[in-house]
Amino acid sequence: MNTTYELNLSSDAFNAFKTDFNLMLRQILFAMENKEAEEGTMAIKFAITFDKENVPDHSAQYPDAQREITRPTFKHTITSQITLKNQTTGQLKGDYELVWDKETSSYIIRPIDDGQTSLFDDETAAPAPSEPAALPPAIDLEEVVEEPDDDDDEAEPSEPVTDDGYGYEPAALD
């Protein structure tokens, strides 16, 4: 058999490669469609190696003549990969500060001290109270006497209230 092949992608020399490529292409498209993947890749590795050999030279004029040839090897590897992405995100953020905890020998985050205290704060953790603010002097209500206005000479004499403002008059006591 004296077949020669031109070395280009469309020649019959690479029929095995083209068949494998077409098969892999169908497989990745089928997998992407079934798994509802949005992304896929195909990678082709085409390795070429040359081996130098001596073979008998049948066109030589003397017996046992040898000639050196280059024997090529074309090896292909086709890989495909589909990308299925699942993603969730989260965040820990806020009014925290990063500090080193000597007791646990690790970093911790804790709320930033804003100086405010609440009913639920631990008494031992609360800062020492400062001097309490001075309270206003106490007022003895019995000593407060209302002085009449000098301008109000025509003040009516006080009478017992018989109407509570809602049209109700209490019954007279005998």
Protein backbone atom coordinates (compact mmCIF):
# COMPACT_ATOMS: atom_id res chain seq x y z
CA MET A 1 0.00 0.00 0.00
CA ASN A 2 1.58 3.21 -1.13
CA THR A 3 -0.70 5.88 0.34
CA THR A 4 0.59 9.35 1.00
CA TYR A 5 -1.15 11.96 3.12
CA GLU A 6 -0.91 15.69 3.00
CA LEU A 7 -0.50 17.06 6.52
CA ASN A 8 -3.30 19.54 7.08
CA LEU A 9 -6.48 19.45 9.11
CA SER A 10 -8.72 18.52 6.21
CA SER A 11 -6.58 15.57 5.08
CA ASP A 12 -7.45 11.96 5.80
CA ALA A 13 -4.31 11.67 7.96
CA PHE A 14 -6.25 13.20 10.84
CA ASN A 15 -9.57 11.35 10.40
CA ALA A 16 -9.26 9.77 13.88
CA PHE A 17 -8.72 13.20 15.40
CA LYS A 18 -11.72 14.67 13.55
CA THR A 19 -13.95 11.76 14.59
CA ASP A 20 -12.91 12.12 18.25
CA PHE A 21 -13.42 15.89 18.10
CA ASN A 22 -16.93 15.55 16.65
CA LEU A 23 -17.87 12.93 19.25
CA MET A 24 -16.58 15.10 22.11
CA LEU A 25 -18.38 18.16 20.74
CA ARG A 26 -21.70 16.27 20.65
CA GLN A 27 -21.13 14.97 24.21
CA ILE A 28 -20.41 18.37 25.72
CA LEU A 29 -23.36 20.00 23.96
CA PHE A 30 -25.66 17.21 25.15
CA ALA A 31 -24.36 17.48 28.74
CA MET A 32 -24.69 21.27 28.77
CA GLU A 33 -28.24 21.08 27.51
CA ASN A 34 -29.28 18.39 30.03
CA LYS A 35 -27.64 20.07 33.01
CA GLU A 36 -28.68 23.57 31.91
CA ALA A 37 -25.05 24.70 32.01
CA GLU A 38 -24.27 28.07 30.54
CA GLU A 39 -20.58 27.49 29.96
CA GLY A 40 -18.41 24.73 28.62
CA THR A 41 -14.89 24.35 27.27
CA MET A 42 -13.05 21.98 25.03
CA ALA A 43 -9.29 21.73 25.10
CA ILE A 44 -7.26 20.08 22.39
CA LYS A 45 -3.71 18.96 22.88
CA PHE A 46 -1.90 17.88 19.78
CA ALA A 47 1.53 16.42 20.55
CA ILE A 48 4.02 15.71 17.79
CA THR A 49 7.14 13.66 18.34
CA PHE A 50 9.92 12.61 15.96
CA ASP A 51 11.83 9.39 16.31
CA LYS A 52 15.02 8.99 14.27
CA GLU A 53 15.50 5.44 12.95
CA ASN A 54 17.62 3.52 10.51
CA VAL A 55 15.73 1.40 8.01
CA PRO A 56 16.96 -0.74 5.12
CA ASP A 57 17.64 1.23 1.97
CA HIS A 58 16.22 -0.89 -0.81
CA SER A 59 17.21 1.55 -3.50
CA ALA A 60 20.91 1.25 -2.60
CA GLN A 61 23.33 -0.60 -4.88
CA TYR A 62 24.85 -2.70 -2.11
CA PRO A 63 23.27 -5.17 0.32
CA ASP A 64 22.45 -4.24 3.96
CA ALA A 65 22.38 -0.54 3.11
CA GLN A 66 20.62 1.65 5.70
CA ARG A 67 19.08 5.08 5.60
CA GLU A 68 17.95 7.36 8.42
CA ILE A 69 14.32 8.40 8.56
CA THR A 70 12.15 10.55 10.75
CA ARG A 71 9.12 8.67 12.04
CA PRO A 72 6.45 11.18 13.20
CA THR A 73 3.84 10.48 15.86
CA PHE A 74 0.77 12.64 16.12
CA LYS A 75 -1.06 12.16 19.40
CA HIS A 76 -4.22 14.03 20.27
CA THR A 77 -6.07 14.52 23.55
CA ILE A 78 -9.43 16.22 23.66
CA THR A 79 -10.97 17.18 26.98
CA SER A 80 -14.24 18.85 27.68
CA GLN A 81 -15.57 20.48 30.78
CA ILE A 82 -18.88 22.02 31.63
CA THR A 83 -19.16 24.66 34.28
CA LEU A 84 -22.04 24.43 36.69
CA LYS A 85 -22.07 27.44 38.94
CA ASN A 86 -23.83 27.52 42.27
CA GLN A 87 -23.16 30.58 44.30
CA THR A 88 -24.27 32.04 47.55
CA THR A 89 -22.94 35.16 49.14
CA GLY A 90 -22.99 36.58 52.60
CA GLN A 91 -21.33 39.22 54.62
CA LEU A 92 -20.49 39.93 58.22
CA LYS A 93 -20.23 43.65 58.56
CA GLY A 94 -21.17 46.21 61.11
CA ASP A 95 -19.91 48.14 64.06
CA TYR A 96 -17.30 45.59 65.10
CA GLU A 97 -13.62 45.86 65.85
CA LEU A 98 -10.98 43.19 65.35
CA VAL A 99 -8.97 42.38 68.48
CA TRP A 100 -6.60 39.65 69.63
CA ASP A 101 -8.09 37.54 72.46
CA LYS A 102 -5.30 36.34 74.75
CA GLU A 103 -7.52 33.73 76.43
CA THR A 104 -8.36 31.91 73.18
CA SER A 105 -5.20 32.92 71.29
CA SER A 106 -7.26 33.95 68.31
CA TYR A 107 -8.70 37.00 66.69
CA ILE A 108 -12.24 37.95 67.62
CA ILE A 109 -14.62 40.68 66.63
CA ARG A 110 -16.59 42.58 69.18
CA PRO A 111 -18.96 45.52 69.08
CA ILE A 112 -17.23 48.89 69.08
CA ASP A 113 -17.65 50.54 72.49
CA ASP A 114 -19.88 53.54 71.91
CA GLY A 115 -20.11 54.49 75.58
CA GLN A 116 -23.81 53.61 75.85
CA THR A 117 -25.06 51.20 78.46
CA SER A 118 -28.32 49.32 78.65
CA LEU A 119 -30.28 47.39 81.24
CA PHE A 120 -28.82 44.19 79.86
CA ASP A 121 -25.14 45.15 80.15
CA ASP A 122 -23.09 43.15 82.61
CA GLU A 123 -22.34 45.25 85.69
CA THR A 124 -18.75 44.08 85.83
CA ALA A 125 -18.18 45.06 82.23
CA ALA A 126 -19.75 48.50 82.60
CA PRO A 127 -17.39 51.40 83.15
CA ALA A 128 -17.24 52.84 86.66
CA PRO A 129 -19.99 55.41 87.12
CA SER A 130 -18.91 59.01 87.26
CA GLU A 131 -20.09 61.44 89.93
CA PRO A 132 -23.86 61.68 89.77
CA ALA A 133 -25.17 64.98 88.60
CA ALA A 134 -26.38 67.26 91.38
CA LEU A 135 -30.13 67.09 91.81
CA PRO A 136 -32.12 70.29 92.08
CA PRO A 137 -33.08 71.22 95.65
CA ALA A 138 -36.24 69.56 96.90
CA ILE A 139 -39.42 71.62 96.89
CA ASP A 140 -41.82 71.35 99.82
CA LEU A 141 -45.24 71.60 98.23
CA GLU A 142 -46.96 72.60 101.48
CA GLU A 143 -44.81 75.69 101.73
CA VAL A 144 -45.79 76.91 98.28
CA VAL A 145 -48.38 79.59 98.72
CA GLU A 146 -49.96 81.24 95.78
CA GLU A 147 -50.11 84.99 96.10
CA PRO A 148 -53.15 86.69 94.53
CA ASP A 149 -52.53 89.11 91.69
CA ASP A 150 -52.99 92.73 92.64
CA ASP A 151 -54.44 93.43 89.20
CA ASP A 152 -57.30 90.98 89.65
CA ASP A 153 -59.53 93.00 92.04
CA GLU A 154 -62.73 91.73 90.49
CA ALA A 155 -62.03 88.08 91.17
CA GLU A 156 -65.15 86.04 91.76
CA PRO A 157 -65.55 84.36 95.09
CA SER A 158 -64.82 80.69 94.92
CA GLU A 159 -67.93 78.53 94.81
CA PRO A 160 -68.17 74.77 94.95
CA VAL A 161 -68.00 73.15 91.53
CA THR A 162 -71.28 71.56 90.61
CA ASP A 163 -70.62 70.82 86.97
CA ASP A 164 -67.77 68.52 85.95
CA GLY A 165 -67.63 69.94 82.43
CA TYR A 166 -69.47 66.99 80.93
CA GLY A 167 -72.97 68.02 82.05
CA TYR A 168 -72.96 65.86 85.19
CA GLU A 169 -73.95 67.49 88.46
CA PRO A 170 -73.38 65.54 91.67
CA ALA A 171 -76.34 65.01 93.97
CA ALA A 172 -76.57 67.33 96.96
CA LEU A 173 -75.62 65.90 100.30
CA ASP A 174 -78.06 66.53 103.17
